[in-house]
Amino acid sequence: MEIANYTLKEYFDQKKSPCLSFNVYSLNDPAVKKDEKLHRSDYFQVILLQEGEISQHIEHESFQLLNNQISVVFPHQINAFELDENVNGIVVQFDEVLFCSDLLKNELISYSNDLMNKLNHVVLEGDTFSKINHYAVQILDLFKNLSPIKKEQIRFYIKIMLLEIIEAAHQNYKGFQAPDQLDYFARFKTLIEANYKSKRTVTYYKDELQITSKKLNEICKSKTGNTALTIIHERILTEIKRLLIFSGKNHKEIAYELGFDSPSALNKFVYAKLKETPSELKESLSQIYKY
């Protein structure tokens, strides 16, 4: 079965509007139709169900999302959902580059299967859901009439909303045990987070995991559809984007911080992956993050 791949950039390109680091819509919006097809995406997706019922499929799991429940779908997870009649709720989508706080990077960028299972389906008490839903309603209202200040407010509310969901999930979820030593993908992601600035070869990571390159690639492709090397490079690119737009550092400083031999090496890496120079990348990111 062919699995579709969605990106925020393609979504905004189709609407012929400037790309943003987030997207928000109601479950009554026609945009929901695309989520009925099995797909992967390059962004996080939070579904807050205020009323009704959703049949949801994430990877090999299927479950019913009921009112006062939340689902967080991680980048590259195969997923789809079907709506019953009279469904109300909000969908919030956002990319990984949005997170420059250490807490959210540690929680989400190096996510493990444990965190995925906790957040894929979150059952909440009424008061807790109301608090989180309030942030989602604020985000949707701000999104309807965007301005530079409202964009920054939305980013702030998304982070606060996510922190609330993570805290609630850690407190309430008791049905899943932390992954054991055989959870190679979770360990691979953790190793990347600790070493991506200096270790960029598949050989290093497969040796640390004590498995073959073939096995590591099989695991990565089953989890994300990408090879191990692509996942390593994606992490480096994410950090390059963060530093270009948020740090105020020049290309030389970014190159050496991320372990490149020279600014020229950084330039070649970015161009090979994105077909644009770091300067061009910064300009395009400025349109997304700096209004």
C-alpha atoms as a PDB file:
ATOM      1  CA  MET A   1       0.000   0.000   0.000  1.00  0.00           C
ATOM      2  CA  GLU A   2       1.329   3.422  -0.949  1.00  0.00           C
ATOM      3  CA  ILE A   3       1.660   5.795   2.002  1.00  0.00           C
ATOM      4  CA  ALA A   4       1.192   9.509   1.268  1.00  0.00           C
ATOM      5  CA  ASN A   5       3.677  12.033   2.629  1.00  0.00           C
ATOM      6  CA  TYR A   6       2.413  15.434   3.779  1.00  0.00           C
ATOM      7  CA  THR A   7       4.419  18.574   4.519  1.00  0.00           C
ATOM      8  CA  LEU A   8       3.362  21.947   5.850  1.00  0.00           C
ATOM      9  CA  LYS A   9       5.135  23.622   2.927  1.00  0.00           C
ATOM     10  CA  GLU A  10       3.093  21.699   0.360  1.00  0.00           C
ATOM     11  CA  TYR A  11      -0.113  22.530   2.241  1.00  0.00           C
ATOM     12  CA  PHE A  12       0.538  26.267   2.165  1.00  0.00           C
ATOM     13  CA  ASP A  13       1.818  26.091  -1.429  1.00  0.00           C
ATOM     14  CA  GLN A  14      -1.513  24.582  -2.473  1.00  0.00           C
ATOM     15  CA  LYS A  15      -3.307  27.434  -0.739  1.00  0.00           C
ATOM     16  CA  LYS A  16      -0.931  29.882  -2.472  1.00  0.00           C
ATOM     17  CA  SER A  17      -0.133  31.494   0.859  1.00  0.00           C
ATOM     18  CA  PRO A  18       3.140  32.054   2.760  1.00  0.00           C
ATOM     19  CA  CYS A  19       4.372  28.961   4.597  1.00  0.00           C
ATOM     20  CA  LEU A  20       4.098  29.002   8.387  1.00  0.00           C
ATOM     21  CA  SER A  21       5.637  26.812  11.094  1.00  0.00           C
ATOM     22  CA  PHE A  22       2.138  25.810  12.201  1.00  0.00           C
ATOM     23  CA  ASN A  23      -1.374  25.199  10.893  1.00  0.00           C
ATOM     24  CA  VAL A  24      -4.681  25.161  12.777  1.00  0.00           C
ATOM     25  CA  TYR A  25      -8.199  24.171  11.767  1.00  0.00           C
ATOM     26  CA  SER A  26     -11.490  22.880  13.127  1.00  0.00           C
ATOM     27  CA  LEU A  27     -12.518  19.247  12.679  1.00  0.00           C
ATOM     28  CA  ASN A  28     -15.374  20.636  10.595  1.00  0.00           C
ATOM     29  CA  ASP A  29     -12.899  22.094   8.093  1.00  0.00           C
ATOM     30  CA  PRO A  30     -12.626  20.436   4.629  1.00  0.00           C
ATOM     31  CA  ALA A  31      -8.858  20.098   5.293  1.00  0.00           C
ATOM     32  CA  VAL A  32      -9.720  17.130   7.520  1.00  0.00           C
ATOM     33  CA  LYS A  33     -10.514  15.005   4.464  1.00  0.00           C
ATOM     34  CA  LYS A  34      -6.828  14.516   3.647  1.00  0.00           C
ATOM     35  CA  ASP A  35      -6.277  12.896   7.065  1.00  0.00           C
ATOM     36  CA  GLU A  36      -8.671  10.052   6.205  1.00  0.00           C
ATOM     37  CA  LYS A  37      -5.961   8.558   3.971  1.00  0.00           C
ATOM     38  CA  LEU A  38      -3.055   6.671   5.527  1.00  0.00           C
ATOM     39  CA  HIS A  39      -0.094   9.038   5.499  1.00  0.00           C
ATOM     40  CA  ARG A  40       3.104  10.247   7.115  1.00  0.00           C
ATOM     41  CA  SER A  41       3.935  13.894   7.733  1.00  0.00           C
ATOM     42  CA  ASP A  42       6.948  16.040   8.596  1.00  0.00           C
ATOM     43  CA  TYR A  43       5.108  17.762  11.471  1.00  0.00           C
ATOM     44  CA  PHE A  44       3.486  17.049  14.821  1.00  0.00           C
ATOM     45  CA  GLN A  45      -0.313  16.938  14.873  1.00  0.00           C
ATOM     46  CA  VAL A  46      -2.466  17.442  17.975  1.00  0.00           C
ATOM     47  CA  ILE A  47      -6.147  16.499  17.816  1.00  0.00           C
ATOM     48  CA  LEU A  48      -8.348  17.809  20.635  1.00  0.00           C
ATOM     49  CA  LEU A  49     -11.777  16.176  20.521  1.00  0.00           C
ATOM     50  CA  GLN A  50     -14.404  18.360  22.192  1.00  0.00           C
ATOM     51  CA  GLU A  51     -17.440  16.349  21.134  1.00  0.00           C
ATOM     52  CA  GLY A  52     -18.183  13.134  19.249  1.00  0.00           C
ATOM     53  CA  GLU A  53     -15.985  10.183  18.335  1.00  0.00           C
ATOM     54  CA  ILE A  54     -13.041   9.531  16.010  1.00  0.00           C
ATOM     55  CA  SER A  55     -11.739   6.181  14.775  1.00  0.00           C
ATOM     56  CA  GLN A  56      -7.985   6.640  14.718  1.00  0.00           C
ATOM     57  CA  HIS A  57      -5.169   4.505  13.322  1.00  0.00           C
ATOM     58  CA  ILE A  58      -1.545   5.140  14.301  1.00  0.00           C
ATOM     59  CA  GLU A  59       1.065   2.660  13.099  1.00  0.00           C
ATOM     60  CA  HIS A  60      -0.300  -0.787  14.063  1.00  0.00           C
ATOM     61  CA  GLU A  61      -2.724   0.490  16.694  1.00  0.00           C
ATOM     62  CA  SER A  62      -6.399   1.421  16.306  1.00  0.00           C
ATOM     63  CA  PHE A  63      -8.543   3.088  18.939  1.00  0.00           C
ATOM     64  CA  GLN A  64     -11.565   5.293  19.477  1.00  0.00           C
ATOM     65  CA  LEU A  65     -10.859   8.890  20.405  1.00  0.00           C
ATOM     66  CA  LEU A  66     -13.740  10.170  22.544  1.00  0.00           C
ATOM     67  CA  ASN A  67     -14.723  13.616  23.777  1.00  0.00           C
ATOM     68  CA  ASN A  68     -12.298  15.162  26.281  1.00  0.00           C
ATOM     69  CA  GLN A  69      -9.451  13.134  24.788  1.00  0.00           C
ATOM     70  CA  ILE A  70      -6.357  14.212  22.889  1.00  0.00           C
ATOM     71  CA  SER A  71      -4.074  12.555  20.353  1.00  0.00           C
ATOM     72  CA  VAL A  72      -0.554  13.683  19.450  1.00  0.00           C
ATOM     73  CA  VAL A  73       0.811  12.184  16.234  1.00  0.00           C
ATOM     74  CA  PHE A  74       4.586  12.403  15.821  1.00  0.00           C
ATOM     75  CA  PRO A  75       6.460  13.147  12.585  1.00  0.00           C
ATOM     76  CA  HIS A  76       6.739  10.107  10.272  1.00  0.00           C
ATOM     77  CA  GLN A  77       4.161   8.005  12.156  1.00  0.00           C
ATOM     78  CA  ILE A  78       1.752   6.301   9.740  1.00  0.00           C
ATOM     79  CA  ASN A  79      -1.730   7.506  10.677  1.00  0.00           C
ATOM     80  CA  ALA A  80      -5.271   8.252   9.560  1.00  0.00           C
ATOM     81  CA  PHE A  81      -8.596   8.988  11.209  1.00  0.00           C
ATOM     82  CA  GLU A  82     -12.289   8.806  10.399  1.00  0.00           C
ATOM     83  CA  LEU A  83     -14.873  11.154  11.890  1.00  0.00           C
ATOM     84  CA  ASP A  84     -18.330  10.215  13.120  1.00  0.00           C
ATOM     85  CA  GLU A  85     -21.160  12.677  12.619  1.00  0.00           C
ATOM     86  CA  ASN A  86     -21.511  15.688  14.919  1.00  0.00           C
ATOM     87  CA  VAL A  87     -17.813  15.851  15.734  1.00  0.00           C
ATOM     88  CA  ASN A  88     -16.300  19.044  17.135  1.00  0.00           C
ATOM     89  CA  GLY A  89     -12.669  19.692  17.908  1.00  0.00           C
ATOM     90  CA  ILE A  90      -9.447  21.348  16.863  1.00  0.00           C
ATOM     91  CA  VAL A  91      -6.360  20.176  14.953  1.00  0.00           C
ATOM     92  CA  VAL A  92      -3.034  21.913  15.607  1.00  0.00           C
ATOM     93  CA  GLN A  93      -0.042  21.088  13.416  1.00  0.00           C
ATOM     94  CA  PHE A  94       3.520  22.373  13.915  1.00  0.00           C
ATOM     95  CA  ASP A  95       7.066  21.580  12.854  1.00  0.00           C
ATOM     96  CA  GLU A  96      10.065  20.533  14.934  1.00  0.00           C
ATOM     97  CA  VAL A  97      11.988  23.723  14.296  1.00  0.00           C
ATOM     98  CA  LEU A  98       9.416  25.591  16.388  1.00  0.00           C
ATOM     99  CA  PHE A  99      11.025  24.256  19.560  1.00  0.00           C
ATOM    100  CA  CYS A 100      14.060  26.113  20.821  1.00  0.00           C
ATOM    101  CA  SER A 101      13.401  25.506  24.532  1.00  0.00           C
ATOM    102  CA  ASP A 102      15.599  22.769  26.012  1.00  0.00           C
ATOM    103  CA  LEU A 103      12.675  21.078  27.767  1.00  0.00           C
ATOM    104  CA  LEU A 104      10.600  20.627  24.629  1.00  0.00           C
ATOM    105  CA  LYS A 105      13.628  19.588  22.575  1.00  0.00           C
ATOM    106  CA  ASN A 106      14.512  16.944  25.144  1.00  0.00           C
ATOM    107  CA  GLU A 107      10.921  15.722  25.392  1.00  0.00           C
ATOM    108  CA  LEU A 108      10.048  15.718  21.701  1.00  0.00           C
ATOM    109  CA  ILE A 109      13.087  15.721  19.449  1.00  0.00           C
ATOM    110  CA  SER A 110      14.704  12.676  21.076  1.00  0.00           C
ATOM    111  CA  TYR A 111      11.318  11.073  21.695  1.00  0.00           C
ATOM    112  CA  SER A 112      11.139   7.411  22.577  1.00  0.00           C
ATOM    113  CA  ASN A 113       8.448   4.834  21.942  1.00  0.00           C
ATOM    114  CA  ASP A 114       7.367   5.336  25.560  1.00  0.00           C
ATOM    115  CA  LEU A 115       6.533   8.991  24.961  1.00  0.00           C
ATOM    116  CA  MET A 116       4.854   8.189  21.649  1.00  0.00           C
ATOM    117  CA  ASN A 117       2.548   5.675  23.303  1.00  0.00           C
ATOM    118  CA  LYS A 118       1.716   8.101  26.088  1.00  0.00           C
ATOM    119  CA  LEU A 119       0.826  10.924  23.725  1.00  0.00           C
ATOM    120  CA  ASN A 120      -0.764   9.054  20.805  1.00  0.00           C
ATOM    121  CA  HIS A 121      -3.898   8.655  22.935  1.00  0.00           C
ATOM    122  CA  VAL A 122      -4.317  10.813  26.045  1.00  0.00           C
ATOM    123  CA  VAL A 123      -7.356  10.359  28.309  1.00  0.00           C
ATOM    124  CA  LEU A 124      -7.841  13.354  30.596  1.00  0.00           C
ATOM    125  CA  GLU A 125      -9.967  14.483  33.498  1.00  0.00           C
ATOM    126  CA  GLY A 126     -12.534  17.121  32.569  1.00  0.00           C
ATOM    127  CA  ASP A 127     -10.732  20.011  34.273  1.00  0.00           C
ATOM    128  CA  THR A 128      -7.388  19.134  32.692  1.00  0.00           C
ATOM    129  CA  PHE A 129      -8.912  18.825  29.222  1.00  0.00           C
ATOM    130  CA  SER A 130     -10.717  22.156  29.645  1.00  0.00           C
ATOM    131  CA  LYS A 131      -7.449  23.862  30.504  1.00  0.00           C
ATOM    132  CA  ILE A 132      -5.640  22.422  27.483  1.00  0.00           C
ATOM    133  CA  ASN A 133      -8.632  22.971  25.212  1.00  0.00           C
ATOM    134  CA  HIS A 134      -8.646  26.638  26.232  1.00  0.00           C
ATOM    135  CA  TYR A 135      -5.172  27.033  24.704  1.00  0.00           C
ATOM    136  CA  ALA A 136      -6.307  25.306  21.491  1.00  0.00           C
ATOM    137  CA  VAL A 137      -9.333  27.610  21.213  1.00  0.00           C
ATOM    138  CA  GLN A 138      -7.058  30.614  21.690  1.00  0.00           C
ATOM    139  CA  ILE A 139      -4.730  29.312  18.970  1.00  0.00           C
ATOM    140  CA  LEU A 140      -7.611  28.813  16.524  1.00  0.00           C
ATOM    141  CA  ASP A 141      -9.045  32.272  17.214  1.00  0.00           C
ATOM    142  CA  LEU A 142      -5.638  33.915  16.701  1.00  0.00           C
ATOM    143  CA  PHE A 143      -5.060  31.926  13.501  1.00  0.00           C
ATOM    144  CA  LYS A 144      -8.240  33.276  11.895  1.00  0.00           C
ATOM    145  CA  ASN A 145      -6.811  36.801  11.685  1.00  0.00           C
ATOM    146  CA  LEU A 146      -3.014  36.566  11.709  1.00  0.00           C
ATOM    147  CA  SER A 147      -0.605  39.378  12.435  1.00  0.00           C
ATOM    148  CA  PRO A 148       3.082  39.311  13.447  1.00  0.00           C
ATOM    149  CA  ILE A 149       2.134  39.566  17.132  1.00  0.00           C
ATOM    150  CA  LYS A 150      -0.549  36.883  16.829  1.00  0.00           C
ATOM    151  CA  LYS A 151       1.926  34.508  15.164  1.00  0.00           C
ATOM    152  CA  GLU A 152       4.237  34.859  18.147  1.00  0.00           C
ATOM    153  CA  GLN A 153       1.306  34.350  20.521  1.00  0.00           C
ATOM    154  CA  ILE A 154       0.367  31.145  18.688  1.00  0.00           C
ATOM    155  CA  ARG A 155       3.909  29.768  19.050  1.00  0.00           C
ATOM    156  CA  PHE A 156       3.776  30.564  22.757  1.00  0.00           C
ATOM    157  CA  TYR A 157       0.381  28.886  23.220  1.00  0.00           C
ATOM    158  CA  ILE A 158       1.477  25.773  21.290  1.00  0.00           C
ATOM    159  CA  LYS A 159       4.454  25.321  23.619  1.00  0.00           C
ATOM    160  CA  ILE A 160       2.341  25.838  26.745  1.00  0.00           C
ATOM    161  CA  MET A 161      -0.333  23.475  25.428  1.00  0.00           C
ATOM    162  CA  LEU A 162       2.253  20.783  24.693  1.00  0.00           C
ATOM    163  CA  LEU A 163       3.855  21.076  28.116  1.00  0.00           C
ATOM    164  CA  GLU A 164       0.424  20.641  29.714  1.00  0.00           C
ATOM    165  CA  ILE A 165      -0.298  17.563  27.560  1.00  0.00           C
ATOM    166  CA  ILE A 166       3.094  16.017  28.352  1.00  0.00           C
ATOM    167  CA  GLU A 167       2.667  16.557  32.092  1.00  0.00           C
ATOM    168  CA  ALA A 168      -0.863  15.122  32.060  1.00  0.00           C
ATOM    169  CA  ALA A 169       0.210  12.109  30.005  1.00  0.00           C
ATOM    170  CA  HIS A 170       3.123  11.306  32.314  1.00  0.00           C
ATOM    171  CA  GLN A 171       0.818  11.467  35.339  1.00  0.00           C
ATOM    172  CA  ASN A 172      -2.141   9.576  33.918  1.00  0.00           C
ATOM    173  CA  TYR A 173      -0.751   6.915  31.611  1.00  0.00           C
ATOM    174  CA  LYS A 174      -0.108   3.593  33.304  1.00  0.00           C
ATOM    175  CA  GLY A 175      -0.630   1.092  30.519  1.00  0.00           C
ATOM    176  CA  PHE A 176       2.810   1.108  28.923  1.00  0.00           C
ATOM    177  CA  GLN A 177       6.205   0.163  30.264  1.00  0.00           C
ATOM    178  CA  ALA A 178       9.384   1.962  29.231  1.00  0.00           C
ATOM    179  CA  PRO A 179      11.158   0.313  26.292  1.00  0.00           C
ATOM    180  CA  ASP A 180      13.798  -2.264  27.071  1.00  0.00           C
ATOM    181  CA  GLN A 181      17.305  -2.571  25.695  1.00  0.00           C
ATOM    182  CA  LEU A 182      15.985  -4.080  22.457  1.00  0.00           C
ATOM    183  CA  ASP A 183      14.209  -0.854  21.503  1.00  0.00           C
ATOM    184  CA  TYR A 184      16.856   0.057  18.953  1.00  0.00           C
ATOM    185  CA  PHE A 185      15.036   2.952  17.326  1.00  0.00           C
ATOM    186  CA  ALA A 186      14.522   4.785  20.626  1.00  0.00           C
ATOM    187  CA  ARG A 187      18.190   4.226  21.473  1.00  0.00           C
ATOM    188  CA  PHE A 188      19.236   5.373  17.987  1.00  0.00           C
ATOM    189  CA  LYS A 189      17.297   8.630  18.385  1.00  0.00           C
ATOM    190  CA  THR A 190      18.815   9.210  21.820  1.00  0.00           C
ATOM    191  CA  LEU A 191      22.321   8.574  20.465  1.00  0.00           C
ATOM    192  CA  ILE A 192      21.746  11.029  17.620  1.00  0.00           C
ATOM    193  CA  GLU A 193      20.597  13.711  20.039  1.00  0.00           C
ATOM    194  CA  ALA A 194      23.759  13.303  22.089  1.00  0.00           C
ATOM    195  CA  ASN A 195      26.217  13.004  19.187  1.00  0.00           C
ATOM    196  CA  TYR A 196      24.880  14.546  15.965  1.00  0.00           C
ATOM    197  CA  LYS A 197      27.372  17.432  16.087  1.00  0.00           C
ATOM    198  CA  SER A 198      30.355  15.108  15.884  1.00  0.00           C
ATOM    199  CA  LYS A 199      29.128  11.677  14.722  1.00  0.00           C
ATOM    200  CA  ARG A 200      27.454  11.607  11.322  1.00  0.00           C
ATOM    201  CA  THR A 201      28.126   8.113   9.986  1.00  0.00           C
ATOM    202  CA  VAL A 202      25.814   5.137  10.197  1.00  0.00           C
ATOM    203  CA  THR A 203      28.865   3.077  11.177  1.00  0.00           C
ATOM    204  CA  TYR A 204      29.215   4.898  14.496  1.00  0.00           C
ATOM    205  CA  TYR A 205      25.583   4.364  15.473  1.00  0.00           C
ATOM    206  CA  LYS A 206      25.320   0.735  14.365  1.00  0.00           C
ATOM    207  CA  ASP A 207      28.501  -0.021  16.328  1.00  0.00           C
ATOM    208  CA  GLU A 208      27.074   1.660  19.428  1.00  0.00           C
ATOM    209  CA  LEU A 209      23.849  -0.326  19.038  1.00  0.00           C
ATOM    210  CA  GLN A 210      25.786  -3.506  18.204  1.00  0.00           C
ATOM    211  CA  ILE A 211      23.705  -4.279  15.136  1.00  0.00           C
ATOM    212  CA  THR A 212      24.446  -4.271  11.396  1.00  0.00           C
ATOM    213  CA  SER A 213      23.901  -1.280   9.117  1.00  0.00           C
ATOM    214  CA  LYS A 214      21.309  -3.313   7.233  1.00  0.00           C
ATOM    215  CA  LYS A 215      19.370  -4.004  10.429  1.00  0.00           C
ATOM    216  CA  LEU A 216      19.510  -0.354  11.521  1.00  0.00           C
ATOM    217  CA  ASN A 217      18.248   0.787   8.118  1.00  0.00           C
ATOM    218  CA  GLU A 218      15.431  -1.771   8.235  1.00  0.00           C
ATOM    219  CA  ILE A 219      14.374  -0.475  11.661  1.00  0.00           C
ATOM    220  CA  CYS A 220      14.516   3.167  10.558  1.00  0.00           C
ATOM    221  CA  LYS A 221      12.594   2.539   7.354  1.00  0.00           C
ATOM    222  CA  SER A 222       9.874   0.659   9.232  1.00  0.00           C
ATOM    223  CA  LYS A 223       9.534   3.531  11.715  1.00  0.00           C
ATOM    224  CA  THR A 224       9.897   6.551   9.437  1.00  0.00           C
ATOM    225  CA  GLY A 225      10.214   5.471   5.817  1.00  0.00           C
ATOM    226  CA  ASN A 226      13.746   6.928   5.773  1.00  0.00           C
ATOM    227  CA  THR A 227      17.240   5.463   6.028  1.00  0.00           C
ATOM    228  CA  ALA A 228      19.404   5.871   9.124  1.00  0.00           C
ATOM    229  CA  LEU A 229      21.653   8.355   7.321  1.00  0.00           C
ATOM    230  CA  THR A 230      18.656  10.473   6.300  1.00  0.00           C
ATOM    231  CA  ILE A 231      17.490  10.611   9.916  1.00  0.00           C
ATOM    232  CA  ILE A 232      20.962  11.721  11.054  1.00  0.00           C
ATOM    233  CA  HIS A 233      21.035  14.419   8.370  1.00  0.00           C
ATOM    234  CA  GLU A 234      17.499  15.570   9.217  1.00  0.00           C
ATOM    235  CA  ARG A 235      18.575  16.192  12.808  1.00  0.00           C
ATOM    236  CA  ILE A 236      21.565  18.258  11.644  1.00  0.00           C
ATOM    237  CA  LEU A 237      19.353  20.243   9.253  1.00  0.00           C
ATOM    238  CA  THR A 238      16.845  20.942  12.011  1.00  0.00           C
ATOM    239  CA  GLU A 239      19.599  22.407  14.168  1.00  0.00           C
ATOM    240  CA  ILE A 240      21.004  24.441  11.265  1.00  0.00           C
ATOM    241  CA  LYS A 241      17.557  25.948  10.735  1.00  0.00           C
ATOM    242  CA  ARG A 242      17.190  26.752  14.444  1.00  0.00           C
ATOM    243  CA  LEU A 243      20.580  28.427  14.615  1.00  0.00           C
ATOM    244  CA  LEU A 244      20.061  30.386  11.397  1.00  0.00           C
ATOM    245  CA  ILE A 245      16.776  31.865  12.519  1.00  0.00           C
ATOM    246  CA  PHE A 246      17.014  32.063  16.316  1.00  0.00           C
ATOM    247  CA  SER A 247      20.665  32.295  17.390  1.00  0.00           C
ATOM    248  CA  GLY A 248      21.948  35.451  15.697  1.00  0.00           C
ATOM    249  CA  LYS A 249      25.178  33.591  14.854  1.00  0.00           C
ATOM    250  CA  ASN A 250      26.888  33.977  11.485  1.00  0.00           C
ATOM    251  CA  HIS A 251      27.536  31.090   9.105  1.00  0.00           C
ATOM    252  CA  LYS A 252      31.108  30.592  10.309  1.00  0.00           C
ATOM    253  CA  GLU A 253      30.017  30.305  13.944  1.00  0.00           C
ATOM    254  CA  ILE A 254      27.214  27.894  13.029  1.00  0.00           C
ATOM    255  CA  ALA A 255      29.566  25.773  10.930  1.00  0.00           C
ATOM    256  CA  TYR A 256      32.060  25.284  13.741  1.00  0.00           C
ATOM    257  CA  GLU A 257      29.383  24.794  16.403  1.00  0.00           C
ATOM    258  CA  LEU A 258      27.939  21.916  14.386  1.00  0.00           C
ATOM    259  CA  GLY A 259      31.278  20.292  13.652  1.00  0.00           C
ATOM    260  CA  PHE A 260      31.777  21.327  10.022  1.00  0.00           C
ATOM    261  CA  ASP A 261      35.378  21.927   8.924  1.00  0.00           C
ATOM    262  CA  SER A 262      34.512  25.282   7.366  1.00  0.00           C
ATOM    263  CA  PRO A 263      31.605  27.525   6.308  1.00  0.00           C
ATOM    264  CA  SER A 264      32.111  26.084   2.815  1.00  0.00           C
ATOM    265  CA  ALA A 265      31.423  22.582   4.151  1.00  0.00           C
ATOM    266  CA  LEU A 266      28.237  23.839   5.811  1.00  0.00           C
ATOM    267  CA  ASN A 267      27.230  25.466   2.521  1.00  0.00           C
ATOM    268  CA  LYS A 268      27.795  22.238   0.575  1.00  0.00           C
ATOM    269  CA  PHE A 269      25.790  20.187   3.091  1.00  0.00           C
ATOM    270  CA  VAL A 270      22.795  22.535   3.048  1.00  0.00           C
ATOM    271  CA  TYR A 271      22.823  22.862  -0.738  1.00  0.00           C
ATOM    272  CA  ALA A 272      23.072  19.084  -1.226  1.00  0.00           C
ATOM    273  CA  LYS A 273      20.015  18.545   0.966  1.00  0.00           C
ATOM    274  CA  LEU A 274      17.829  21.532   0.126  1.00  0.00           C
ATOM    275  CA  LYS A 275      19.191  22.962  -3.162  1.00  0.00           C
ATOM    276  CA  GLU A 276      19.715  26.362  -1.545  1.00  0.00           C
ATOM    277  CA  THR A 277      22.552  28.097   0.261  1.00  0.00           C
ATOM    278  CA  PRO A 278      22.470  28.859   3.996  1.00  0.00           C
ATOM    279  CA  SER A 279      21.774  32.509   3.116  1.00  0.00           C
ATOM    280  CA  GLU A 280      18.835  31.508   0.921  1.00  0.00           C
ATOM    281  CA  LEU A 281      17.621  29.103   3.595  1.00  0.00           C
ATOM    282  CA  LYS A 282      17.758  31.836   6.221  1.00  0.00           C
ATOM    283  CA  GLU A 283      15.760  34.147   3.975  1.00  0.00           C
ATOM    284  CA  SER A 284      13.051  31.534   3.389  1.00  0.00           C
ATOM    285  CA  LEU A 285      12.938  30.700   7.102  1.00  0.00           C
ATOM    286  CA  SER A 286      12.635  34.404   7.902  1.00  0.00           C
ATOM    287  CA  GLN A 287       9.419  34.463   5.913  1.00  0.00           C
ATOM    288  CA  ILE A 288       8.086  31.609   8.046  1.00  0.00           C
ATOM    289  CA  TYR A 289       9.325  32.582  11.510  1.00  0.00           C
ATOM    290  CA  LYS A 290       9.991  36.302  11.354  1.00  0.00           C
ATOM    291  CA  TYR A 291       6.850  37.234   9.502  1.00  0.00           C
END
